[in-house]
Amino acid sequence: MKKVLDGVRVLDLSYFIAGPYCAMLLASMGAEVIRIEPPGGSIDRDIGPYSPSGQGMYPWHFSCNKKGITLNTREEKGKEILKDLIKNSDIMVESYLPKAKKAIGLEYSKLKEINKGLILVSFSAYGQNGPYASRGGFDAIAQGISGMMSITGMPDSAPLKSGSAVIDYGTSLYGAIGALLALRHREKTGLGQEVDVCLLDTAVSFMETVFAEHTLLDSQRPQLGNRRPYTAPTDMFKAKDGYVNISVSTDTIWKRFAKLIGKSELVDNPKFKSNKIRYKHHEALADMAEKWVSNKNVSKVIEKLNAVGVPAGPVYGIPEVFDDPQIKARKMIEYLDYPGEGEIPVPGLAIKLSETPGAIDRRAPEVGEHNNDVYGAVLKYNEEKMAELMETGII
């Protein structure tokens, strides 16, 4: 069965998380993604964690399903080769600072002269315009500037970032969506365009109703730990052998929960009758929930809550994630064989298509692993030409 992006060629000149993960998503749906690294490898190969043999693990997850080539884009000959690749491609993904982008010749105004149908997906910390455009940045910096860290953490604690790089991943998704929208536009017009996505924009867009709360209610949302601000009891609670997340987020769910814990008389109590007022009494509700949970095992709490339709789930450590039957059923951890390392678990594909399913089924390439394949098939270079480019350090 063909994948939905079969026939689409993507050049990936990005590094770290956001750009590479976007390109990997396109590859998982059938695009031929060619990761271009400098001779010797990209800088994200030297970032931890490191495998027992000393390899950086970053590309193992963010470059699955891709082909890998090397090219020195700082040299004039390398720039000429890159132009030839651009002529034969549909999408380019890059994450250079504007100054470096200009030095290589990756401004969209120049790229569209080479290939009018090319779609450029530009990843950055702050976007392609504005007073911060020339600055570099990472996920945590965007979380801080957006205000996200100020509402994360336990009450009265220092601001806290998310444990995972959620802004990088969110920007990856925006980039992939933008690329697909631009492909649709090209189908209609024959013309490409630039897709401009950045970490700060993503972080601000993830801030729910926080800005409206500040403006209309004159309030700064406080740090709430694991509790949600406007529903109760919605929090993490300690059981005998671990922790449980419970989300009583509607009036209907509240009625079910109250009956389950033997507090049906509270359903019509004016303090607890609706979401609009119930969250104001979250401390009392949390105390009731904690008492009900505390003398039971996690599995029993989950069983009882799910049986009556109250959303709940365990709080796993990493080892338990591997054994969860739902995660297994959805194939959300895949195993790929890496040279010298054996089978390595990587997160699976979260997008499930019924007719043209994607897959994460090929490991990330070694440095320059597909030089012969790509330069031979796409640019028709012979062995003599390849040897010359290797000797001169172009590839």
Protein backbone atom coordinates (compact mmCIF):
# COMPACT_ATOMS: atom_id res chain seq x y z
CA MET A 1 0.00 0.00 0.00
CA LYS A 2 1.36 3.40 -0.96
CA LYS A 3 1.84 6.07 1.69
CA VAL A 4 0.16 9.43 1.30
CA LEU A 5 3.40 11.39 0.66
CA ASP A 6 4.97 8.93 -1.78
CA GLY A 7 6.72 10.92 -4.52
CA VAL A 8 7.45 13.95 -2.34
CA ARG A 9 11.16 14.70 -1.83
CA VAL A 10 12.28 16.64 1.26
CA LEU A 11 15.71 18.09 2.00
CA ASP A 12 16.36 18.25 5.74
CA LEU A 13 19.04 20.78 6.73
CA SER A 14 17.79 21.16 10.30
CA TYR A 15 19.23 19.99 13.61
CA PHE A 16 18.29 19.41 17.27
CA ILE A 17 14.57 18.53 17.68
CA ALA A 18 11.93 20.73 16.03
CA GLY A 19 13.07 20.64 12.39
CA PRO A 20 14.35 17.05 12.34
CA TYR A 21 11.18 15.72 13.97
CA CYS A 22 9.02 17.57 11.44
CA ALA A 23 11.01 16.03 8.58
CA MET A 24 10.73 12.61 10.21
CA LEU A 25 6.94 12.93 10.36
CA LEU A 26 6.91 13.62 6.62
CA ALA A 27 9.19 10.62 6.08
CA SER A 28 6.90 8.38 8.12
CA MET A 29 4.09 9.23 5.70
CA GLY A 30 6.11 8.24 2.65
CA ALA A 31 8.16 11.29 1.69
CA GLU A 32 11.74 10.67 0.60
CA VAL A 33 13.56 12.71 3.22
CA ILE A 34 17.26 13.37 2.67
CA ARG A 35 19.09 14.59 5.75
CA ILE A 36 22.04 16.78 4.74
CA GLU A 37 24.87 16.99 7.26
CA PRO A 38 28.36 18.50 7.06
CA PRO A 39 31.15 15.99 6.41
CA GLY A 40 31.78 14.42 9.82
CA GLY A 41 28.17 14.82 10.96
CA SER A 42 25.76 17.41 12.35
CA ILE A 43 26.22 19.08 15.74
CA ASP A 44 23.24 17.23 17.21
CA ARG A 45 25.20 13.97 17.01
CA ASP A 46 27.44 15.25 19.80
CA ILE A 47 24.68 15.91 22.34
CA GLY A 48 23.73 13.49 25.10
CA PRO A 49 22.42 11.13 26.15
CA TYR A 50 25.16 8.84 24.91
CA SER A 51 24.96 5.14 24.19
CA PRO A 52 27.33 2.64 25.84
CA SER A 53 29.52 2.90 22.73
CA GLY A 54 29.59 6.70 23.01
CA GLN A 55 27.12 7.62 20.25
CA GLY A 56 24.80 10.58 20.73
CA MET A 57 21.22 9.28 20.78
CA TYR A 58 19.48 12.43 19.46
CA PRO A 59 19.32 11.42 15.77
CA TRP A 60 18.15 7.90 16.63
CA HIS A 61 14.67 9.24 17.31
CA PHE A 62 14.52 12.41 15.18
CA SER A 63 15.93 11.00 11.95
CA CYS A 64 14.17 7.65 11.53
CA ASN A 65 13.02 6.82 7.99
CA LYS A 66 15.46 9.31 6.43
CA LYS A 67 18.34 8.94 4.02
CA GLY A 68 21.58 10.57 5.11
CA ILE A 69 24.13 12.40 2.97
CA THR A 70 27.02 14.76 3.67
CA LEU A 71 27.62 18.10 1.95
CA ASN A 72 29.80 21.08 2.78
CA THR A 73 27.39 23.93 2.08
CA ARG A 74 29.98 26.55 3.06
CA GLU A 75 32.06 25.88 -0.06
CA GLU A 76 31.00 27.21 -3.46
CA LYS A 77 31.02 23.72 -4.97
CA GLY A 78 28.81 22.50 -2.12
CA LYS A 79 26.41 25.40 -2.71
CA GLU A 80 26.18 24.47 -6.40
CA ILE A 81 25.36 20.86 -5.50
CA LEU A 82 22.75 22.04 -3.01
CA LYS A 83 21.11 24.11 -5.77
CA ASP A 84 20.92 21.00 -7.95
CA LEU A 85 19.26 19.09 -5.11
CA ILE A 86 16.83 21.97 -4.59
CA LYS A 87 15.85 21.86 -8.27
CA ASN A 88 14.85 18.23 -7.77
CA SER A 89 12.99 18.59 -4.45
CA ASP A 90 9.57 19.63 -3.17
CA ILE A 91 10.23 20.75 0.40
CA MET A 92 13.24 22.01 2.33
CA VAL A 93 13.35 22.01 6.14
CA GLU A 94 15.99 24.23 7.77
CA SER A 95 16.80 25.74 11.16
CA TYR A 96 19.64 28.18 10.52
CA LEU A 97 20.01 31.59 12.10
CA PRO A 98 19.34 34.36 9.55
CA LYS A 99 23.03 35.22 9.21
CA ALA A 100 24.02 31.62 8.45
CA LYS A 101 20.99 31.22 6.21
CA LYS A 102 22.11 34.18 4.11
CA ALA A 103 25.69 32.88 3.91
CA ILE A 104 24.49 29.56 2.49
CA GLY A 105 21.92 31.21 0.21
CA LEU A 106 18.79 29.81 1.82
CA GLU A 107 16.65 32.96 1.81
CA TYR A 108 13.36 32.08 0.19
CA SER A 109 13.65 34.93 -2.30
CA LYS A 110 16.67 33.13 -3.79
CA LEU A 111 15.36 29.60 -3.43
CA LYS A 112 12.19 30.28 -5.42
CA GLU A 113 14.36 31.49 -8.31
CA ILE A 114 15.94 28.02 -8.35
CA ASN A 115 12.64 26.14 -7.93
CA LYS A 116 9.41 28.14 -8.01
CA GLY A 117 7.50 25.21 -6.53
CA LEU A 118 9.81 24.70 -3.56
CA ILE A 119 8.26 24.87 -0.09
CA LEU A 120 10.68 26.14 2.55
CA VAL A 121 9.87 25.25 6.17
CA SER A 122 11.97 27.54 8.37
CA PHE A 123 12.40 26.67 12.05
CA SER A 124 13.81 29.16 14.52
CA ALA A 125 13.54 30.32 18.11
CA TYR A 126 11.80 33.63 17.37
CA GLY A 127 10.66 33.64 13.74
CA GLN A 128 11.96 35.24 10.56
CA ASN A 129 11.08 38.81 11.58
CA GLY A 130 10.86 40.93 14.71
CA PRO A 131 13.51 42.32 17.10
CA TYR A 132 14.59 38.86 18.32
CA ALA A 133 14.85 37.23 14.88
CA SER A 134 18.66 37.07 14.90
CA ARG A 135 18.83 35.37 18.31
CA GLY A 136 19.25 31.68 18.90
CA GLY A 137 17.16 29.86 21.46
CA PHE A 138 15.85 26.57 22.77
CA ASP A 139 12.66 25.05 24.17
CA ALA A 140 13.09 26.18 27.79
CA ILE A 141 13.80 29.78 26.76
CA ALA A 142 10.54 29.90 24.80
CA GLN A 143 8.68 28.39 27.78
CA GLY A 144 10.08 31.13 29.98
CA ILE A 145 9.29 34.09 27.69
CA SER A 146 5.77 32.85 26.94
CA GLY A 147 4.84 32.78 30.63
CA MET A 148 4.44 29.00 30.60
CA MET A 149 7.07 28.41 33.29
CA SER A 150 5.40 30.95 35.58
CA ILE A 151 2.23 28.83 35.74
CA THR A 152 4.06 25.49 36.03
CA GLY A 153 5.25 23.91 39.28
CA MET A 154 4.06 23.51 42.84
CA PRO A 155 2.50 26.51 44.63
CA ASP A 156 5.10 29.09 45.73
CA SER A 157 7.94 27.21 44.00
CA ALA A 158 10.35 28.65 41.44
CA PRO A 159 9.06 28.68 37.83
CA LEU A 160 9.38 25.23 36.24
CA LYS A 161 9.74 23.96 32.69
CA SER A 162 8.05 20.87 31.29
CA GLY A 163 9.93 17.60 31.70
CA SER A 164 9.77 16.97 27.94
CA ALA A 165 10.57 19.42 25.13
CA VAL A 166 6.89 20.08 24.42
CA ILE A 167 7.54 23.34 22.57
CA ASP A 168 10.02 21.70 20.21
CA TYR A 169 7.50 18.97 19.43
CA GLY A 170 4.65 21.44 19.05
CA THR A 171 6.70 23.50 16.62
CA SER A 172 7.47 20.30 14.70
CA LEU A 173 3.76 19.66 14.32
CA TYR A 174 3.07 23.22 13.20
CA GLY A 175 5.88 22.88 10.64
CA ALA A 176 4.47 19.62 9.30
CA ILE A 177 0.96 21.09 9.08
CA GLY A 178 2.35 24.15 7.34
CA ALA A 179 4.22 22.01 4.82
CA LEU A 180 1.06 20.05 3.99
CA LEU A 181 -0.98 23.25 3.63
CA ALA A 182 1.68 24.66 1.31
CA LEU A 183 1.61 21.45 -0.75
CA ARG A 184 -2.14 21.88 -1.12
CA HIS A 185 -1.61 25.49 -2.25
CA ARG A 186 1.00 24.33 -4.77
CA GLU A 187 -1.44 21.82 -6.22
CA LYS A 188 -3.72 24.76 -7.05
CA THR A 189 -1.14 27.30 -8.18
CA GLY A 190 2.11 25.51 -8.99
CA LEU A 191 3.90 27.85 -6.60
CA GLY A 192 5.73 27.16 -3.36
CA GLN A 193 5.99 29.40 -0.32
CA GLU A 194 7.85 29.79 2.95
CA VAL A 195 6.43 28.29 6.15
CA ASP A 196 7.72 30.30 9.13
CA VAL A 197 7.37 28.52 12.50
CA CYS A 198 9.19 29.23 15.72
CA LEU A 199 9.44 28.10 19.32
CA LEU A 200 8.16 31.31 20.90
CA ASP A 201 5.04 31.44 18.71
CA THR A 202 4.29 27.84 19.62
CA ALA A 203 4.77 28.45 23.33
CA VAL A 204 2.46 31.50 23.29
CA SER A 205 -0.17 29.56 21.31
CA PHE A 206 -0.13 26.82 23.97
CA MET A 207 -1.14 29.17 26.80
CA GLU A 208 -4.85 28.28 26.87
CA THR A 209 -6.99 31.11 28.36
CA VAL A 210 -4.21 32.56 30.51
CA PHE A 211 -4.00 35.90 28.67
CA ALA A 212 -7.79 36.36 28.67
CA GLU A 213 -7.84 35.59 32.41
CA HIS A 214 -5.26 38.29 33.02
CA THR A 215 -7.12 40.87 30.91
CA LEU A 216 -10.73 40.19 31.89
CA LEU A 217 -10.30 38.94 35.46
CA ASP A 218 -7.20 40.95 36.38
CA SER A 219 -5.54 37.80 37.63
CA GLN A 220 -2.29 35.93 37.14
CA ARG A 221 -2.88 32.19 37.02
CA PRO A 222 -0.88 30.73 39.93
CA GLN A 223 1.25 27.62 40.00
CA LEU A 224 -1.11 24.77 40.81
CA GLY A 225 1.11 21.72 40.77
CA ASN A 226 -0.79 18.82 39.23
CA ARG A 227 -4.23 20.30 39.66
CA ARG A 228 -6.29 21.91 36.90
CA PRO A 229 -7.49 25.44 37.63
CA TYR A 230 -11.23 25.33 36.92
CA THR A 231 -12.37 21.77 37.64
CA ALA A 232 -12.27 19.78 40.88
CA PRO A 233 -11.25 17.32 42.03
CA THR A 234 -8.79 17.16 39.13
CA ASP A 235 -5.37 16.33 40.52
CA MET A 236 -2.83 13.62 41.32
CA PHE A 237 -3.51 11.56 44.44
CA LYS A 238 -1.37 9.11 46.41
CA ALA A 239 -2.53 5.51 46.64
CA LYS A 240 -0.94 2.71 48.71
CA ASP A 241 1.54 1.76 46.01
CA GLY A 242 1.84 4.79 43.75
CA TYR A 243 0.02 7.79 42.32
CA VAL A 244 -3.19 8.25 40.35
CA ASN A 245 -4.44 11.10 38.17
CA ILE A 246 -8.18 11.74 38.49
CA SER A 247 -10.10 14.22 36.33
CA VAL A 248 -13.57 15.19 37.53
CA SER A 249 -14.08 17.73 34.77
CA THR A 250 -17.86 17.91 34.19
CA ASP A 251 -21.01 17.92 36.29
CA THR A 252 -21.95 14.47 35.03
CA ILE A 253 -18.57 13.03 36.03
CA TRP A 254 -18.88 14.73 39.43
CA LYS A 255 -22.17 12.94 40.10
CA ARG A 256 -20.56 9.59 39.25
CA PHE A 257 -17.54 10.30 41.42
CA ALA A 258 -19.59 11.48 44.41
CA LYS A 259 -21.72 8.34 44.28
CA LEU A 260 -18.65 6.08 43.99
CA ILE A 261 -16.92 7.52 47.05
CA GLY A 262 -20.13 7.46 49.12
CA LYS A 263 -20.81 11.19 49.00
CA SER A 264 -24.02 11.32 46.93
CA GLU A 265 -25.48 13.86 49.35
CA LEU A 266 -22.95 16.43 48.07
CA VAL A 267 -24.33 16.39 44.52
CA ASP A 268 -27.01 18.96 45.35
CA ASN A 269 -24.94 20.83 47.91
CA PRO A 270 -24.75 24.50 46.80
CA LYS A 271 -20.95 24.47 47.24
CA PHE A 272 -20.50 21.56 44.82
CA LYS A 273 -23.49 21.73 42.48
CA SER A 274 -21.70 22.96 39.30
CA ASN A 275 -18.27 23.38 37.78
CA LYS A 276 -18.59 27.16 38.06
CA ILE A 277 -18.48 27.01 41.83
CA ARG A 278 -17.09 23.56 42.61
CA TYR A 279 -13.48 24.43 41.79
CA LYS A 280 -13.55 27.19 44.43
CA HIS A 281 -13.79 24.42 47.03
CA HIS A 282 -11.02 22.30 45.54
CA GLU A 283 -9.24 21.82 48.86
CA ALA A 284 -12.23 20.12 50.46
CA LEU A 285 -12.79 17.97 47.38
CA ALA A 286 -9.11 17.04 47.18
CA ASP A 287 -9.22 15.95 50.81
CA MET A 288 -12.22 13.68 50.11
CA ALA A 289 -10.53 12.19 47.05
CA GLU A 290 -7.23 11.68 48.89
CA LYS A 291 -8.94 9.81 51.73
CA TRP A 292 -10.80 7.56 49.30
CA VAL A 293 -7.66 6.79 47.25
CA SER A 294 -5.09 6.48 50.04
CA ASN A 295 -6.11 3.03 51.38
CA LYS A 296 -6.29 1.35 47.96
CA ASN A 297 -3.80 0.09 45.42
CA VAL A 298 -3.41 2.04 42.18
CA SER A 299 -4.92 -0.78 40.10
CA LYS A 300 -8.04 -0.94 42.28
CA VAL A 301 -8.54 2.85 42.15
CA ILE A 302 -8.28 2.82 38.35
CA GLU A 303 -10.62 -0.16 38.07
CA LYS A 304 -13.33 1.42 40.22
CA LEU A 305 -13.13 4.85 38.58
CA ASN A 306 -13.14 3.60 35.00
CA ALA A 307 -16.02 1.23 35.77
CA VAL A 308 -18.29 4.20 36.50
CA GLY A 309 -16.93 6.51 33.79
CA VAL A 310 -14.59 8.75 35.77
CA PRO A 311 -11.38 9.44 33.80
CA ALA A 312 -8.33 8.24 35.72
CA GLY A 313 -4.92 6.80 35.08
CA PRO A 314 -1.75 5.72 36.85
CA VAL A 315 1.36 7.87 37.09
CA TYR A 316 4.05 5.61 35.65
CA GLY A 317 7.75 5.55 35.99
CA ILE A 318 9.48 4.93 32.65
CA PRO A 319 9.79 1.11 33.05
CA GLU A 320 6.00 0.75 33.43
CA VAL A 321 5.37 2.59 30.15
CA PHE A 322 6.89 -0.31 28.20
CA ASP A 323 4.39 -2.76 29.68
CA ASP A 324 1.18 -0.77 29.35
CA PRO A 325 -1.25 -2.78 27.17
CA GLN A 326 -2.76 0.29 25.49
CA ILE A 327 0.65 1.66 24.50
CA LYS A 328 1.51 -1.79 23.14
CA ALA A 329 -1.77 -2.08 21.24
CA ARG A 330 -1.20 1.29 19.59
CA LYS A 331 2.44 0.40 18.75
CA MET A 332 3.68 3.55 20.39
CA ILE A 333 7.08 2.09 21.15
CA GLU A 334 8.88 0.65 18.15
CA TYR A 335 12.21 -1.17 18.09
CA LEU A 336 14.85 -0.42 15.45
CA ASP A 337 18.18 -2.18 15.04
CA TYR A 338 21.18 0.17 15.26
CA PRO A 339 24.70 -1.00 14.27
CA GLY A 340 26.76 -1.78 17.34
CA GLU A 341 23.86 -1.09 19.71
CA GLY A 342 21.19 -3.71 19.00
CA GLU A 343 17.46 -3.04 19.15
CA ILE A 344 16.67 0.46 20.40
CA PRO A 345 13.16 1.56 21.50
CA VAL A 346 11.88 4.76 19.88
CA PRO A 347 8.47 6.45 20.20
CA GLY A 348 6.01 5.26 17.60
CA LEU A 349 3.87 7.21 15.15
CA ALA A 350 0.92 9.02 16.76
CA ILE A 351 -0.91 9.71 13.48
CA LYS A 352 -3.02 6.70 12.49
CA LEU A 353 -4.41 6.75 8.93
CA SER A 354 -6.89 4.02 7.99
CA GLU A 355 -6.20 3.91 4.23
CA THR A 356 -2.61 5.10 3.85
CA PRO A 357 -0.94 4.33 7.18
CA GLY A 358 2.51 5.65 7.92
CA ALA A 359 5.25 3.89 9.85
CA ILE A 360 8.47 4.42 11.72
CA ASP A 361 10.30 1.39 10.44
CA ARG A 362 13.81 2.44 9.36
CA ARG A 363 16.58 3.52 11.70
CA ALA A 364 18.27 6.90 11.44
CA PRO A 365 21.12 6.92 8.91
CA GLU A 366 24.79 6.90 9.76
CA VAL A 367 26.80 9.94 8.64
CA GLY A 368 26.80 9.96 4.83
CA GLU A 369 25.30 6.48 4.64
CA HIS A 370 23.29 7.23 1.48
CA ASN A 371 25.79 9.41 -0.40
CA ASN A 372 26.10 6.94 -3.28
CA ASP A 373 22.36 6.31 -3.38
CA VAL A 374 21.25 9.96 -3.42
CA TYR A 375 23.98 11.53 -5.50
CA GLY A 376 23.85 8.65 -7.95
CA ALA A 377 20.04 8.43 -8.29
CA VAL A 378 19.09 12.10 -7.99
CA LEU A 379 22.05 13.92 -9.54
CA LYS A 380 23.42 11.04 -11.67
CA TYR A 381 26.97 11.31 -10.32
CA ASN A 382 29.31 8.47 -11.31
CA GLU A 383 31.97 6.85 -9.13
CA GLU A 384 34.70 9.13 -10.43
CA LYS A 385 32.71 12.23 -9.56
CA MET A 386 31.92 10.88 -6.11
CA ALA A 387 35.59 10.11 -5.43
CA GLU A 388 36.57 13.64 -6.44
CA LEU A 389 33.98 15.22 -4.13
CA MET A 390 35.14 13.06 -1.22
CA GLU A 391 38.81 13.87 -1.80
CA THR A 392 38.11 17.61 -1.81
CA GLY A 393 35.97 17.46 1.33
CA ILE A 394 32.76 18.55 -0.39
CA ILE A 395 30.90 15.44 0.76
